[in-house]
Amino acid sequence: MKNPANRWVIIPAAGVGKRMGADIPKQYLPLSGRTVIEHTIERLLFHPALDRIYVALNQQDMWWERTEYAQHPDLVRVNGGEERRHSVLHALDALADEAQPDDWVLVHDAARPCVRREDISQLIEQVEQHPEGGLLGAPVRDTMKRTDTAGYIHETVNRDQLWHALTPQMFRFARLHQAMQDAIDAGIPITDEASAIEYAGDQPIIVEGHADNLKITRPEDLALAAFYLS
């Protein structure tokens, strides 16, 4: 009888968050009494369907050891890379010692502390029925404009079937590992795991999540995240 697939988590957290204009990386900024990354980890660490978490950190990270979960036995620290995609690949390389080819890997942004556990559960339930994986997303609701390099509007884009890509993004370990490696080797500027899977020729599915699963990128996002968490 085949053993059920494990569900591993990767959190790329090696970035410095330049757009925040803060003295410390955005994942360590205070948010509702904790750091951003502590909120993020708590949403995943205690989800009953998930296994060990691999956190990819900057080698010069001075803040991780002070966090609440730094010594947790179900968290593994690995060295991150120059860009998000390199951090994910480094974590996949480290995970290769534990993961089976058909295990699932969920990659989640460190700066998304408001992801709902029910959205994670919905993602798992739907993606496990789909061989090519998938990700959380939110339908685009605003009018979308495309501009030229000078900022002049070139066209209004039809927003039907347009989605904001969120995380977690969930794929089979071996497929994701190979797709990430191939895309990086080819110099493809992938910004999320789904992009690598698409480059490999697969078609992931979108599972609708809540728009409050925001990514903290700018200072005003912290106040909005605090509101959502409250």
C-alpha atoms as a PDB file:
ATOM      1  CA  MET A   1       0.000   0.000   0.000  1.00  0.00           C
ATOM      2  CA  LYS A   2       1.410   3.374  -1.000  1.00  0.00           C
ATOM      3  CA  ASN A   3       2.219   5.761   1.842  1.00  0.00           C
ATOM      4  CA  PRO A   4       0.369   9.089   1.761  1.00  0.00           C
ATOM      5  CA  ALA A   5       2.378  12.031   0.444  1.00  0.00           C
ATOM      6  CA  ASN A   6       3.896  14.437   2.932  1.00  0.00           C
ATOM      7  CA  ARG A   7       3.200  18.151   2.698  1.00  0.00           C
ATOM      8  CA  TRP A   8       6.299  20.256   3.270  1.00  0.00           C
ATOM      9  CA  VAL A   9       6.436  24.048   3.557  1.00  0.00           C
ATOM     10  CA  ILE A  10       9.098  26.439   2.254  1.00  0.00           C
ATOM     11  CA  ILE A  11       9.205  30.055   3.390  1.00  0.00           C
ATOM     12  CA  PRO A  12      11.695  32.179   1.423  1.00  0.00           C
ATOM     13  CA  ALA A  13      12.763  34.890   3.877  1.00  0.00           C
ATOM     14  CA  ALA A  14      16.165  36.120   2.703  1.00  0.00           C
ATOM     15  CA  GLY A  15      14.991  39.418   1.247  1.00  0.00           C
ATOM     16  CA  VAL A  16      15.757  42.829   2.695  1.00  0.00           C
ATOM     17  CA  GLY A  17      12.520  44.593   1.691  1.00  0.00           C
ATOM     18  CA  LYS A  18      14.031  47.717   0.136  1.00  0.00           C
ATOM     19  CA  ARG A  19      10.641  49.248  -0.673  1.00  0.00           C
ATOM     20  CA  MET A  20       9.743  49.365   3.012  1.00  0.00           C
ATOM     21  CA  GLY A  21      12.518  51.873   3.689  1.00  0.00           C
ATOM     22  CA  ALA A  22      13.120  50.303   7.114  1.00  0.00           C
ATOM     23  CA  ASP A  23      16.350  49.571   8.971  1.00  0.00           C
ATOM     24  CA  ILE A  24      15.537  45.862   9.220  1.00  0.00           C
ATOM     25  CA  PRO A  25      14.076  43.347   6.742  1.00  0.00           C
ATOM     26  CA  LYS A  26      10.309  43.622   6.494  1.00  0.00           C
ATOM     27  CA  GLN A  27       9.725  40.089   7.810  1.00  0.00           C
ATOM     28  CA  TYR A  28      11.092  41.219  11.178  1.00  0.00           C
ATOM     29  CA  LEU A  29       9.077  44.407  11.490  1.00  0.00           C
ATOM     30  CA  PRO A  30       6.685  44.562  14.477  1.00  0.00           C
ATOM     31  CA  LEU A  31       3.077  43.688  13.735  1.00  0.00           C
ATOM     32  CA  SER A  32       0.380  43.382  16.396  1.00  0.00           C
ATOM     33  CA  GLY A  33       2.795  42.432  19.156  1.00  0.00           C
ATOM     34  CA  ARG A  34       4.967  40.035  17.141  1.00  0.00           C
ATOM     35  CA  THR A  35       7.145  40.133  14.068  1.00  0.00           C
ATOM     36  CA  VAL A  36       5.652  39.675  10.613  1.00  0.00           C
ATOM     37  CA  ILE A  37       7.364  36.315  10.114  1.00  0.00           C
ATOM     38  CA  GLU A  38       6.133  35.000  13.468  1.00  0.00           C
ATOM     39  CA  HIS A  39       2.545  35.591  12.386  1.00  0.00           C
ATOM     40  CA  THR A  40       3.274  33.920   9.054  1.00  0.00           C
ATOM     41  CA  ILE A  41       4.908  30.856  10.593  1.00  0.00           C
ATOM     42  CA  GLU A  42       2.133  30.461  13.151  1.00  0.00           C
ATOM     43  CA  ARG A  43      -0.472  30.158  10.373  1.00  0.00           C
ATOM     44  CA  LEU A  44       1.446  27.259   8.809  1.00  0.00           C
ATOM     45  CA  LEU A  45       3.223  25.558  11.692  1.00  0.00           C
ATOM     46  CA  PHE A  46       0.033  24.654  13.504  1.00  0.00           C
ATOM     47  CA  HIS A  47      -2.009  23.675  10.472  1.00  0.00           C
ATOM     48  CA  PRO A  48      -2.780  19.981  11.043  1.00  0.00           C
ATOM     49  CA  ALA A  49      -2.268  18.988   7.386  1.00  0.00           C
ATOM     50  CA  LEU A  50       1.286  20.327   7.087  1.00  0.00           C
ATOM     51  CA  ASP A  51       4.649  18.826   8.002  1.00  0.00           C
ATOM     52  CA  ARG A  52       8.052  20.418   8.538  1.00  0.00           C
ATOM     53  CA  ILE A  53       8.832  23.995   7.481  1.00  0.00           C
ATOM     54  CA  TYR A  54      12.049  25.009   5.724  1.00  0.00           C
ATOM     55  CA  VAL A  55      12.885  28.703   6.190  1.00  0.00           C
ATOM     56  CA  ALA A  56      15.411  30.168   3.736  1.00  0.00           C
ATOM     57  CA  LEU A  57      17.287  33.032   5.402  1.00  0.00           C
ATOM     58  CA  ASN A  58      20.009  35.460   4.458  1.00  0.00           C
ATOM     59  CA  GLN A  59      23.385  34.197   5.641  1.00  0.00           C
ATOM     60  CA  GLN A  60      23.928  37.524   7.451  1.00  0.00           C
ATOM     61  CA  ASP A  61      20.517  37.380   9.132  1.00  0.00           C
ATOM     62  CA  MET A  62      20.848  38.812  12.667  1.00  0.00           C
ATOM     63  CA  TRP A  63      17.197  38.664  13.684  1.00  0.00           C
ATOM     64  CA  TRP A  64      15.962  35.099  13.194  1.00  0.00           C
ATOM     65  CA  GLU A  65      17.432  33.691  16.407  1.00  0.00           C
ATOM     66  CA  ARG A  66      15.411  36.176  18.439  1.00  0.00           C
ATOM     67  CA  THR A  67      12.095  35.033  17.004  1.00  0.00           C
ATOM     68  CA  GLU A  68       9.597  32.860  18.819  1.00  0.00           C
ATOM     69  CA  TYR A  69       9.994  29.813  16.582  1.00  0.00           C
ATOM     70  CA  ALA A  70      13.733  29.869  15.880  1.00  0.00           C
ATOM     71  CA  GLN A  71      14.377  26.716  17.928  1.00  0.00           C
ATOM     72  CA  HIS A  72      11.176  24.871  17.058  1.00  0.00           C
ATOM     73  CA  PRO A  73      11.930  21.236  16.130  1.00  0.00           C
ATOM     74  CA  ASP A  74       9.653  21.357  13.075  1.00  0.00           C
ATOM     75  CA  LEU A  75      11.503  24.301  11.523  1.00  0.00           C
ATOM     76  CA  VAL A  76      14.683  23.909   9.493  1.00  0.00           C
ATOM     77  CA  ARG A  77      16.875  26.912   8.668  1.00  0.00           C
ATOM     78  CA  VAL A  78      18.639  26.921   5.289  1.00  0.00           C
ATOM     79  CA  ASN A  79      20.673  29.579   3.511  1.00  0.00           C
ATOM     80  CA  GLY A  80      18.725  31.697   1.073  1.00  0.00           C
ATOM     81  CA  GLY A  81      19.909  33.092  -2.226  1.00  0.00           C
ATOM     82  CA  GLU A  82      20.253  36.324  -4.158  1.00  0.00           C
ATOM     83  CA  GLU A  83      16.617  36.362  -5.301  1.00  0.00           C
ATOM     84  CA  ARG A  84      13.450  34.689  -4.082  1.00  0.00           C
ATOM     85  CA  ARG A  85      13.707  31.945  -6.689  1.00  0.00           C
ATOM     86  CA  HIS A  86      17.235  31.063  -5.563  1.00  0.00           C
ATOM     87  CA  SER A  87      16.074  30.831  -1.950  1.00  0.00           C
ATOM     88  CA  VAL A  88      13.296  28.455  -2.945  1.00  0.00           C
ATOM     89  CA  LEU A  89      15.719  26.312  -4.929  1.00  0.00           C
ATOM     90  CA  HIS A  90      18.175  26.176  -2.010  1.00  0.00           C
ATOM     91  CA  ALA A  91      15.363  25.013   0.267  1.00  0.00           C
ATOM     92  CA  LEU A  92      14.315  22.379  -2.272  1.00  0.00           C
ATOM     93  CA  ASP A  93      17.926  21.181  -2.460  1.00  0.00           C
ATOM     94  CA  ALA A  94      17.971  20.802   1.330  1.00  0.00           C
ATOM     95  CA  LEU A  95      14.575  19.108   1.351  1.00  0.00           C
ATOM     96  CA  ALA A  96      15.813  16.483  -1.114  1.00  0.00           C
ATOM     97  CA  ASP A  97      17.221  14.478   1.795  1.00  0.00           C
ATOM     98  CA  GLU A  98      13.728  14.017   3.241  1.00  0.00           C
ATOM     99  CA  ALA A  99      11.133  14.425   0.517  1.00  0.00           C
ATOM    100  CA  GLN A 100       9.847  11.762  -1.826  1.00  0.00           C
ATOM    101  CA  PRO A 101       9.276  12.701  -5.497  1.00  0.00           C
ATOM    102  CA  ASP A 102       5.484  12.762  -5.121  1.00  0.00           C
ATOM    103  CA  ASP A 103       5.440  14.686  -1.845  1.00  0.00           C
ATOM    104  CA  TRP A 104       3.773  18.077  -1.946  1.00  0.00           C
ATOM    105  CA  VAL A 105       5.610  21.343  -1.301  1.00  0.00           C
ATOM    106  CA  LEU A 106       3.785  24.522  -0.333  1.00  0.00           C
ATOM    107  CA  VAL A 107       5.792  27.726  -0.840  1.00  0.00           C
ATOM    108  CA  HIS A 108       4.552  30.740   1.095  1.00  0.00           C
ATOM    109  CA  ASP A 109       5.849  34.298   1.264  1.00  0.00           C
ATOM    110  CA  ALA A 110       7.296  35.337   4.626  1.00  0.00           C
ATOM    111  CA  ALA A 111       5.563  38.702   4.226  1.00  0.00           C
ATOM    112  CA  ARG A 112       2.037  37.233   3.957  1.00  0.00           C
ATOM    113  CA  PRO A 113       1.063  36.964   7.641  1.00  0.00           C
ATOM    114  CA  CYS A 114      -2.704  37.107   7.098  1.00  0.00           C
ATOM    115  CA  VAL A 115      -3.256  33.928   5.091  1.00  0.00           C
ATOM    116  CA  ARG A 116      -6.335  32.145   6.405  1.00  0.00           C
ATOM    117  CA  ARG A 117      -6.047  28.554   7.555  1.00  0.00           C
ATOM    118  CA  GLU A 118      -9.283  27.715   5.771  1.00  0.00           C
ATOM    119  CA  ASP A 119      -7.738  28.959   2.511  1.00  0.00           C
ATOM    120  CA  ILE A 120      -4.732  26.683   3.076  1.00  0.00           C
ATOM    121  CA  SER A 121      -7.091  23.772   3.678  1.00  0.00           C
ATOM    122  CA  GLN A 122      -9.071  24.590   0.544  1.00  0.00           C
ATOM    123  CA  LEU A 123      -5.864  24.790  -1.480  1.00  0.00           C
ATOM    124  CA  ILE A 124      -4.709  21.389  -0.248  1.00  0.00           C
ATOM    125  CA  GLU A 125      -8.088  19.775  -0.878  1.00  0.00           C
ATOM    126  CA  GLN A 126      -8.374  21.035  -4.453  1.00  0.00           C
ATOM    127  CA  VAL A 127      -4.762  20.788  -5.577  1.00  0.00           C
ATOM    128  CA  GLU A 128      -4.366  17.211  -4.397  1.00  0.00           C
ATOM    129  CA  GLN A 129      -6.963  16.302  -7.032  1.00  0.00           C
ATOM    130  CA  HIS A 130      -4.943  18.049  -9.750  1.00  0.00           C
ATOM    131  CA  PRO A 131      -1.727  16.462 -11.061  1.00  0.00           C
ATOM    132  CA  GLU A 132       0.011  19.710 -12.028  1.00  0.00           C
ATOM    133  CA  GLY A 133      -0.408  21.639  -8.778  1.00  0.00           C
ATOM    134  CA  GLY A 134      -1.893  25.037  -8.095  1.00  0.00           C
ATOM    135  CA  LEU A 135      -1.912  28.188  -6.040  1.00  0.00           C
ATOM    136  CA  LEU A 136      -4.147  30.536  -4.145  1.00  0.00           C
ATOM    137  CA  GLY A 137      -5.371  33.539  -6.093  1.00  0.00           C
ATOM    138  CA  ALA A 138      -7.808  36.418  -5.902  1.00  0.00           C
ATOM    139  CA  PRO A 139      -9.822  37.692  -8.878  1.00  0.00           C
ATOM    140  CA  VAL A 140      -8.824  41.123 -10.171  1.00  0.00           C
ATOM    141  CA  ARG A 141     -11.576  43.568  -9.266  1.00  0.00           C
ATOM    142  CA  ASP A 142     -10.075  46.909 -10.276  1.00  0.00           C
ATOM    143  CA  THR A 143      -9.889  48.356 -13.757  1.00  0.00           C
ATOM    144  CA  MET A 144      -6.508  47.383 -15.200  1.00  0.00           C
ATOM    145  CA  LYS A 145      -4.406  49.767 -17.319  1.00  0.00           C
ATOM    146  CA  ARG A 146      -1.269  49.065 -19.353  1.00  0.00           C
ATOM    147  CA  THR A 147       1.072  52.014 -19.865  1.00  0.00           C
ATOM    148  CA  ASP A 148       4.130  52.777 -21.935  1.00  0.00           C
ATOM    149  CA  THR A 149       7.508  53.521 -20.336  1.00  0.00           C
ATOM    150  CA  ALA A 150       6.590  57.204 -20.015  1.00  0.00           C
ATOM    151  CA  GLY A 151       3.481  56.396 -17.985  1.00  0.00           C
ATOM    152  CA  TYR A 152       0.913  57.114 -20.687  1.00  0.00           C
ATOM    153  CA  ILE A 153      -1.985  54.663 -20.862  1.00  0.00           C
ATOM    154  CA  HIS A 154      -1.620  52.293 -23.766  1.00  0.00           C
ATOM    155  CA  GLU A 155      -4.762  50.250 -23.197  1.00  0.00           C
ATOM    156  CA  THR A 156      -7.395  49.188 -20.709  1.00  0.00           C
ATOM    157  CA  VAL A 157      -6.963  45.477 -20.051  1.00  0.00           C
ATOM    158  CA  ASN A 158      -9.983  43.191 -19.861  1.00  0.00           C
ATOM    159  CA  ARG A 159      -9.967  41.945 -16.279  1.00  0.00           C
ATOM    160  CA  ASP A 160     -12.101  38.867 -16.997  1.00  0.00           C
ATOM    161  CA  GLN A 161     -10.151  35.758 -15.958  1.00  0.00           C
ATOM    162  CA  LEU A 162      -7.322  37.870 -14.507  1.00  0.00           C
ATOM    163  CA  TRP A 163      -6.098  36.900 -11.050  1.00  0.00           C
ATOM    164  CA  HIS A 164      -3.738  38.173  -8.402  1.00  0.00           C
ATOM    165  CA  ALA A 165      -1.339  35.317  -7.692  1.00  0.00           C
ATOM    166  CA  LEU A 166      -1.109  34.653  -3.939  1.00  0.00           C
ATOM    167  CA  THR A 167       0.668  32.065  -1.823  1.00  0.00           C
ATOM    168  CA  PRO A 168       0.893  29.298  -0.750  1.00  0.00           C
ATOM    169  CA  GLN A 169       1.670  27.712  -4.115  1.00  0.00           C
ATOM    170  CA  MET A 170       1.606  23.917  -4.027  1.00  0.00           C
ATOM    171  CA  PHE A 171       3.372  21.444  -6.309  1.00  0.00           C
ATOM    172  CA  ARG A 172       4.899  17.962  -6.292  1.00  0.00           C
ATOM    173  CA  PHE A 173       8.433  18.038  -4.925  1.00  0.00           C
ATOM    174  CA  ALA A 174      10.298  16.470  -7.856  1.00  0.00           C
ATOM    175  CA  ARG A 175       8.385  18.446 -10.490  1.00  0.00           C
ATOM    176  CA  LEU A 176       8.896  21.762  -8.700  1.00  0.00           C
ATOM    177  CA  HIS A 177      12.562  21.061  -7.976  1.00  0.00           C
ATOM    178  CA  GLN A 178      13.317  20.309 -11.618  1.00  0.00           C
ATOM    179  CA  ALA A 179      11.184  23.164 -12.932  1.00  0.00           C
ATOM    180  CA  MET A 180      12.875  25.708 -10.664  1.00  0.00           C
ATOM    181  CA  GLN A 181      16.336  24.466 -11.633  1.00  0.00           C
ATOM    182  CA  ASP A 182      15.545  24.498 -15.347  1.00  0.00           C
ATOM    183  CA  ALA A 183      14.017  27.978 -15.282  1.00  0.00           C
ATOM    184  CA  ILE A 184      16.944  29.445 -13.340  1.00  0.00           C
ATOM    185  CA  ASP A 185      19.474  27.748 -15.623  1.00  0.00           C
ATOM    186  CA  ALA A 186      17.642  29.198 -18.629  1.00  0.00           C
ATOM    187  CA  GLY A 187      17.676  32.698 -17.166  1.00  0.00           C
ATOM    188  CA  ILE A 188      13.892  32.909 -17.018  1.00  0.00           C
ATOM    189  CA  PRO A 189      12.904  35.758 -14.634  1.00  0.00           C
ATOM    190  CA  ILE A 190      10.377  33.744 -12.645  1.00  0.00           C
ATOM    191  CA  THR A 191       8.685  35.608  -9.809  1.00  0.00           C
ATOM    192  CA  ASP A 192       6.757  32.691  -8.345  1.00  0.00           C
ATOM    193  CA  GLU A 193       6.765  28.893  -8.434  1.00  0.00           C
ATOM    194  CA  ALA A 194       3.804  28.725 -10.801  1.00  0.00           C
ATOM    195  CA  SER A 195       5.887  30.598 -13.388  1.00  0.00           C
ATOM    196  CA  ALA A 196       8.503  27.835 -13.275  1.00  0.00           C
ATOM    197  CA  ILE A 197       5.840  25.150 -13.596  1.00  0.00           C
ATOM    198  CA  GLU A 198       4.308  27.010 -16.543  1.00  0.00           C
ATOM    199  CA  TYR A 199       7.736  27.283 -18.165  1.00  0.00           C
ATOM    200  CA  ALA A 200       8.012  23.499 -17.786  1.00  0.00           C
ATOM    201  CA  GLY A 201       4.822  23.133 -19.835  1.00  0.00           C
ATOM    202  CA  ASP A 202       2.278  22.405 -17.103  1.00  0.00           C
ATOM    203  CA  GLN A 203      -0.937  24.262 -16.289  1.00  0.00           C
ATOM    204  CA  PRO A 204      -1.475  24.815 -12.578  1.00  0.00           C
ATOM    205  CA  ILE A 205      -4.912  25.658 -11.250  1.00  0.00           C
ATOM    206  CA  ILE A 206      -6.008  28.735  -9.336  1.00  0.00           C
ATOM    207  CA  VAL A 207      -7.867  28.160  -6.081  1.00  0.00           C
ATOM    208  CA  GLU A 208      -9.756  31.259  -4.991  1.00  0.00           C
ATOM    209  CA  GLY A 209      -8.581  32.644  -1.675  1.00  0.00           C
ATOM    210  CA  HIS A 210      -9.319  35.808   0.246  1.00  0.00           C
ATOM    211  CA  ALA A 211      -7.867  39.143  -0.831  1.00  0.00           C
ATOM    212  CA  ASP A 212      -6.813  39.909   2.755  1.00  0.00           C
ATOM    213  CA  ASN A 213      -3.892  37.526   2.169  1.00  0.00           C
ATOM    214  CA  LEU A 214      -1.850  40.600   1.312  1.00  0.00           C
ATOM    215  CA  LYS A 215       1.907  40.772   0.865  1.00  0.00           C
ATOM    216  CA  ILE A 216       3.543  43.413   3.013  1.00  0.00           C
ATOM    217  CA  THR A 217       5.605  45.463   0.596  1.00  0.00           C
ATOM    218  CA  ARG A 218       5.169  49.106   1.569  1.00  0.00           C
ATOM    219  CA  PRO A 219       4.807  50.859   4.953  1.00  0.00           C
ATOM    220  CA  GLU A 220       1.037  51.327   4.601  1.00  0.00           C
ATOM    221  CA  ASP A 221       0.619  47.550   4.241  1.00  0.00           C
ATOM    222  CA  LEU A 222       1.577  47.052   7.897  1.00  0.00           C
ATOM    223  CA  ALA A 223      -1.427  49.025   9.123  1.00  0.00           C
ATOM    224  CA  LEU A 224      -3.727  47.093   6.803  1.00  0.00           C
ATOM    225  CA  ALA A 225      -2.273  43.762   7.947  1.00  0.00           C
ATOM    226  CA  ALA A 226      -2.764  44.790  11.585  1.00  0.00           C
ATOM    227  CA  PHE A 227      -6.401  45.565  10.805  1.00  0.00           C
ATOM    228  CA  TYR A 228      -6.911  42.172   9.166  1.00  0.00           C
ATOM    229  CA  LEU A 229      -5.240  40.350  12.053  1.00  0.00           C
ATOM    230  CA  SER A 230      -7.460  42.121  14.567  1.00  0.00           C
END
